[in-house]
N, C-alpha and C. Protein backbone atom coordinates (compact mmCIF):
# COMPACT_ATOMS: atom_id res chain seq x y z
N MET A 1 0.78 -1.27 0.23
CA MET A 1 -0.20 0.01 0.13
C MET A 1 0.88 1.43 0.03
N LEU A 2 1.94 1.48 0.85
CA LEU A 2 2.64 2.30 1.06
C LEU A 2 3.47 2.90 -0.36
N GLU A 3 3.80 1.49 -1.11
CA GLU A 3 4.55 1.64 -2.43
C GLU A 3 3.41 2.42 -3.50
N ASN A 4 2.18 2.11 -3.38
CA ASN A 4 1.13 2.51 -4.03
C ASN A 4 1.02 4.16 -3.87
N TYR A 5 1.62 4.57 -2.83
CA TYR A 5 1.55 5.99 -2.59
C TYR A 5 2.80 6.98 -2.76
N GLY A 6 3.78 6.08 -3.51
CA GLY A 6 5.00 6.42 -3.72
C GLY A 6 6.35 6.40 -2.79
N TYR A 7 5.95 5.80 -1.94
CA TYR A 7 6.74 5.58 -0.59
C TYR A 7 7.62 4.38 -1.23
N THR A 8 9.31 4.49 -0.71
CA THR A 8 9.97 3.34 -0.85
C THR A 8 10.11 2.67 0.14
N VAL A 9 9.91 1.24 0.16
CA VAL A 9 9.81 0.11 1.28
C VAL A 9 10.88 -0.98 1.16
N ILE A 10 11.48 -1.14 2.11
CA ILE A 10 12.41 -2.14 2.19
C ILE A 10 11.59 -3.35 3.24
N ASP A 11 11.30 -4.47 2.45
CA ASP A 11 10.60 -5.24 3.33
C ASP A 11 11.67 -6.36 3.74
N LEU A 12 11.67 -6.55 5.01
CA LEU A 12 12.88 -7.25 5.48
C LEU A 12 12.32 -8.72 5.76
N GLY A 13 11.06 -9.01 5.66
CA GLY A 13 10.29 -10.27 5.78
C GLY A 13 9.66 -10.62 7.05
N LYS A 14 9.69 -11.80 7.40
CA LYS A 14 9.04 -12.23 8.54
C LYS A 14 10.06 -12.86 9.57
N ASN A 15 9.73 -12.79 10.86
CA ASN A 15 10.60 -13.30 11.83
C ASN A 15 12.51 -12.95 11.60
N VAL A 16 12.23 -11.39 11.65
CA VAL A 16 13.37 -10.93 11.45
C VAL A 16 14.28 -10.65 12.76
N PRO A 17 15.29 -11.09 12.87
CA PRO A 17 16.09 -10.46 13.97
C PRO A 17 16.43 -9.26 14.40
N TYR A 18 16.18 -8.92 15.18
CA TYR A 18 15.98 -7.35 15.82
C TYR A 18 17.39 -6.57 15.14
N GLU A 19 18.62 -7.34 15.26
CA GLU A 19 19.96 -6.68 14.74
C GLU A 19 19.65 -6.38 13.23
N THR A 20 18.84 -7.32 12.45
CA THR A 20 18.86 -6.94 11.03
C THR A 20 18.01 -5.74 11.12
N VAL A 21 17.02 -5.68 11.62
CA VAL A 21 16.26 -4.21 11.69
C VAL A 21 16.89 -3.02 12.26
N VAL A 22 17.88 -3.36 13.05
CA VAL A 22 18.48 -2.11 13.41
C VAL A 22 19.39 -1.65 12.51
N ASN A 23 20.33 -2.75 12.02
CA ASN A 23 21.27 -2.40 11.13
C ASN A 23 20.55 -1.64 9.86
N THR A 24 19.55 -2.35 9.37
CA THR A 24 18.88 -1.59 8.35
C THR A 24 18.51 -0.24 8.35
N VAL A 25 17.91 0.15 9.34
CA VAL A 25 17.84 1.43 9.97
C VAL A 25 19.08 2.32 9.90
N ILE A 26 19.88 1.97 10.42
CA ILE A 26 21.21 2.82 10.43
C ILE A 26 21.83 2.78 9.08
N GLU A 27 22.14 1.75 8.45
CA GLU A 27 22.80 1.84 7.25
C GLU A 27 21.94 2.75 5.98
N ASN A 28 20.78 2.54 6.05
CA ASN A 28 19.89 3.22 5.06
C ASN A 28 19.16 4.73 5.60
N ASP A 29 19.67 4.89 6.74
CA ASP A 29 19.08 6.33 7.56
C ASP A 29 17.65 6.20 7.12
N ILE A 30 16.78 5.11 7.77
CA ILE A 30 15.35 5.15 7.75
C ILE A 30 14.86 6.03 8.62
N LYS A 31 13.42 6.61 8.22
CA LYS A 31 12.92 7.54 9.15
C LYS A 31 11.44 7.10 9.79
N LEU A 32 11.09 5.86 8.97
CA LEU A 32 9.90 5.38 9.47
C LEU A 32 9.96 3.83 9.57
N VAL A 33 9.71 3.32 10.46
CA VAL A 33 9.78 1.38 10.54
C VAL A 33 8.30 1.39 10.79
N GLY A 34 8.05 0.10 10.25
CA GLY A 34 6.73 -0.35 10.62
C GLY A 34 6.88 -1.90 10.89
N LEU A 35 6.25 -2.34 12.10
CA LEU A 35 6.35 -3.61 12.68
C LEU A 35 4.91 -4.02 12.70
N SER A 36 4.88 -5.58 12.57
CA SER A 36 3.58 -6.16 12.35
C SER A 36 3.64 -7.43 13.28
N ALA A 37 2.56 -7.83 13.99
CA ALA A 37 2.62 -8.82 14.87
C ALA A 37 1.17 -9.54 14.38
N LEU A 38 1.46 -10.86 13.95
CA LEU A 38 0.07 -11.68 13.95
C LEU A 38 -0.26 -12.35 15.01
N MET A 39 0.77 -12.77 15.85
CA MET A 39 0.42 -13.79 16.92
C MET A 39 0.97 -13.17 18.29
N THR A 40 0.20 -13.34 19.13
CA THR A 40 0.76 -12.94 20.64
C THR A 40 2.30 -13.16 21.09
N THR A 41 2.68 -14.12 20.42
CA THR A 41 4.14 -14.58 20.92
C THR A 41 5.15 -13.88 20.40
N THR A 42 4.76 -12.89 19.09
CA THR A 42 5.76 -12.18 18.64
C THR A 42 5.63 -10.77 19.06
N VAL A 43 4.94 -10.50 20.01
CA VAL A 43 4.93 -8.94 20.54
C VAL A 43 6.01 -8.59 21.38
N GLY A 44 6.34 -9.56 22.08
CA GLY A 44 7.64 -9.30 23.07
C GLY A 44 8.81 -8.92 22.16
N ASN A 45 8.81 -9.71 21.23
CA ASN A 45 10.18 -9.43 20.31
C ASN A 45 10.09 -7.96 19.46
N MET A 46 8.61 -7.62 19.19
CA MET A 46 8.64 -6.30 19.03
C MET A 46 8.79 -5.30 19.65
N GLU A 47 8.71 -5.53 21.05
CA GLU A 47 8.97 -4.65 22.24
C GLU A 47 10.81 -4.51 22.44
N THR A 48 11.46 -5.69 21.94
CA THR A 48 12.48 -5.67 22.03
C THR A 48 13.22 -5.01 20.94
N THR A 49 12.70 -5.27 19.59
CA THR A 49 13.26 -4.52 18.37
C THR A 49 12.92 -3.06 18.71
N ILE A 50 11.92 -2.44 19.27
CA ILE A 50 11.61 -1.02 19.36
C ILE A 50 12.80 -0.79 20.29
N LYS A 51 12.94 -1.30 21.33
CA LYS A 51 13.91 -0.80 22.49
C LYS A 51 15.36 -0.72 21.74
N MET A 52 15.79 -1.75 21.02
CA MET A 52 17.15 -1.71 20.29
C MET A 52 17.07 -0.52 19.22
N LEU A 53 16.23 -0.09 18.66
CA LEU A 53 16.13 0.74 17.61
C LEU A 53 16.42 2.25 18.28
N ARG A 54 15.50 2.26 19.11
CA ARG A 54 15.81 3.62 20.04
C ARG A 54 17.29 3.77 20.65
N GLU A 55 17.57 2.84 21.26
CA GLU A 55 19.23 2.96 21.71
C GLU A 55 20.17 3.12 20.49
N ALA A 56 20.04 2.35 19.26
CA ALA A 56 20.90 2.53 18.34
C ALA A 56 20.67 3.67 17.59
N THR A 57 19.62 4.40 17.27
CA THR A 57 19.33 5.52 16.66
C THR A 57 20.05 6.78 17.61
N GLU A 58 19.90 6.52 18.83
CA GLU A 58 20.23 7.56 19.70
C GLU A 58 21.91 7.57 19.66
N LYS A 59 22.44 6.52 19.64
CA LYS A 59 23.94 6.43 19.54
C LYS A 59 24.28 6.80 18.27
N HIS A 60 23.69 6.73 17.37
CA HIS A 60 24.05 7.25 16.09
C HIS A 60 23.57 8.49 15.66
N GLY A 61 23.24 9.21 16.52
CA GLY A 61 22.38 10.59 16.43
C GLY A 61 21.49 10.81 15.57
N LYS A 62 20.77 9.64 15.02
CA LYS A 62 19.31 9.60 14.19
C LYS A 62 18.48 9.43 14.89
N THR A 63 17.13 9.61 14.36
CA THR A 63 15.93 9.57 14.84
C THR A 63 14.97 8.55 13.82
N VAL A 64 14.01 7.86 14.45
CA VAL A 64 13.23 7.15 13.77
C VAL A 64 11.82 7.28 14.32
N LYS A 65 10.81 7.18 13.47
CA LYS A 65 9.35 6.99 13.96
C LYS A 65 8.93 5.36 13.92
N ILE A 66 8.38 4.93 14.55
CA ILE A 66 7.85 3.45 14.42
C ILE A 66 6.40 3.11 14.67
N ILE A 67 5.80 2.59 13.71
CA ILE A 67 4.39 2.05 13.53
C ILE A 67 4.23 0.82 14.05
N ALA A 68 3.39 0.32 15.01
CA ALA A 68 3.28 -0.97 15.28
C ALA A 68 1.82 -1.38 14.82
N GLY A 69 1.64 -2.39 14.43
CA GLY A 69 0.29 -3.01 14.10
C GLY A 69 0.34 -4.45 14.22
N GLY A 70 -0.84 -4.75 13.48
CA GLY A 70 -1.05 -6.25 13.06
C GLY A 70 -2.16 -6.63 13.90
N ALA A 71 -2.74 -8.08 13.83
CA ALA A 71 -3.91 -8.66 14.38
C ALA A 71 -4.04 -8.66 15.83
N VAL A 72 -3.21 -8.87 16.51
CA VAL A 72 -3.12 -8.88 18.11
C VAL A 72 -2.72 -7.44 18.66
N LEU A 73 -2.46 -6.42 18.27
CA LEU A 73 -2.15 -5.29 18.79
C LEU A 73 -3.36 -4.27 19.02
N THR A 74 -3.16 -3.51 19.81
CA THR A 74 -4.20 -2.25 19.97
C THR A 74 -3.35 -1.28 19.94
N ALA A 75 -4.20 0.02 20.15
CA ALA A 75 -3.41 1.21 20.05
C ALA A 75 -2.59 1.47 21.52
N ASP A 76 -3.46 1.06 22.58
CA ASP A 76 -2.73 1.03 24.00
C ASP A 76 -1.57 0.20 24.10
N TYR A 77 -1.67 -0.96 23.38
CA TYR A 77 -0.60 -1.79 23.50
C TYR A 77 0.83 -1.38 22.71
N ALA A 78 0.27 -0.67 21.51
CA ALA A 78 1.44 -0.35 20.89
C ALA A 78 2.20 0.88 21.68
N GLU A 79 1.26 1.88 22.26
CA GLU A 79 2.02 2.62 23.01
C GLU A 79 2.60 2.16 24.15
N LYS A 80 2.20 1.13 24.66
CA LYS A 80 3.12 0.22 25.95
C LYS A 80 4.31 -0.21 25.48
N ILE A 81 4.58 -0.60 24.33
CA ILE A 81 5.81 -1.18 23.67
C ILE A 81 6.75 -0.14 23.16
N GLY A 82 6.31 1.05 23.27
CA GLY A 82 7.15 2.22 22.69
C GLY A 82 7.03 2.57 21.27
N ALA A 83 5.96 2.17 20.66
CA ALA A 83 5.76 2.70 19.49
C ALA A 83 5.26 4.14 19.42
N ASP A 84 5.66 4.86 18.30
CA ASP A 84 5.06 5.99 18.19
C ASP A 84 3.53 6.34 17.48
N PHE A 85 3.35 5.25 16.70
CA PHE A 85 2.02 5.25 16.19
C PHE A 85 1.38 3.59 16.39
N TYR A 86 0.08 3.77 16.12
CA TYR A 86 -0.48 2.40 15.89
C TYR A 86 -1.03 2.20 14.63
N GLY A 87 -0.67 1.33 13.72
CA GLY A 87 -1.16 0.98 12.62
C GLY A 87 -2.61 0.02 12.35
N LYS A 88 -3.68 0.65 12.56
CA LYS A 88 -4.58 -0.07 12.72
C LYS A 88 -4.77 -0.87 11.39
N ASP A 89 -4.56 -0.44 10.27
CA ASP A 89 -4.73 -1.16 8.84
C ASP A 89 -3.62 -0.55 7.84
N ALA A 90 -3.84 -0.97 6.61
CA ALA A 90 -2.80 -0.26 5.57
C ALA A 90 -2.98 1.19 5.19
N MET A 91 -4.20 1.52 5.40
CA MET A 91 -4.50 2.72 4.91
C MET A 91 -4.12 3.85 6.12
N SER A 92 -4.45 3.15 7.32
CA SER A 92 -4.15 4.06 8.73
C SER A 92 -2.42 4.25 8.57
N THR A 93 -1.60 3.35 7.88
CA THR A 93 -0.31 3.51 7.96
C THR A 93 0.25 4.56 6.81
N VAL A 94 -0.40 4.38 5.70
CA VAL A 94 -0.38 5.73 4.52
C VAL A 94 -0.62 7.02 5.14
N ASN A 95 -1.47 6.95 5.91
CA ASN A 95 -1.78 8.48 6.46
C ASN A 95 -0.87 8.98 7.80
N ILE A 96 -0.23 7.76 8.38
CA ILE A 96 0.73 7.98 9.13
C ILE A 96 2.12 8.52 8.45
N ALA A 97 2.19 7.76 7.32
CA ALA A 97 3.64 8.29 6.80
C ALA A 97 3.54 9.51 6.07
N LYS A 98 2.47 9.98 5.72
CA LYS A 98 2.04 11.41 5.16
C LYS A 98 2.40 12.35 6.03
N GLN A 99 1.90 12.06 7.42
CA GLN A 99 2.14 12.92 8.50
C GLN A 99 3.73 12.69 8.82
N VAL A 100 4.34 11.97 8.74
CA VAL A 100 5.64 11.77 9.32
C VAL A 100 6.51 12.60 8.10
N PHE A 101 6.08 12.22 6.78
CA PHE A 101 7.01 12.79 5.74
C PHE A 101 6.61 14.15 5.00
N GLY A 102 5.40 14.67 5.55
CA GLY A 102 4.61 15.82 5.27
C GLY A 102 4.27 15.87 3.72
N LYS A 103 3.80 14.64 3.05
CA LYS A 103 3.46 14.56 1.84
C LYS A 103 2.22 13.65 1.72
C-alpha cells in the first residue's frame, strides 16, 4: 500500500532478528519503521526491537518513528511497547507516513 502512494519500502520479511532491523535502519537512514505482529508470541520480540532501535538511533545521532500494528495489537499496547504510532490497517499506515514525511 505504501508503495502505491510513492513511498520506498524495504521489506525485511517475517521473523527477522532485531539486529537486522536495527542495522537496516542505521545503514539506510530510515525515518519510519513498520512492525507487525499476527500472533501474541511475537509481541515481546516487537518490544525488544523497538528498544534496540531507540538505543541504536540515539547512539548514532539519528531519529526514527515506529508504527506497530497487526491482528493482536491495540493502540494502547502499541504505546506500551514504545511505538510512536498504531497502524490499525494499511490505509492508516499510509496516513501516518503522510504525517511523518509531510506529503
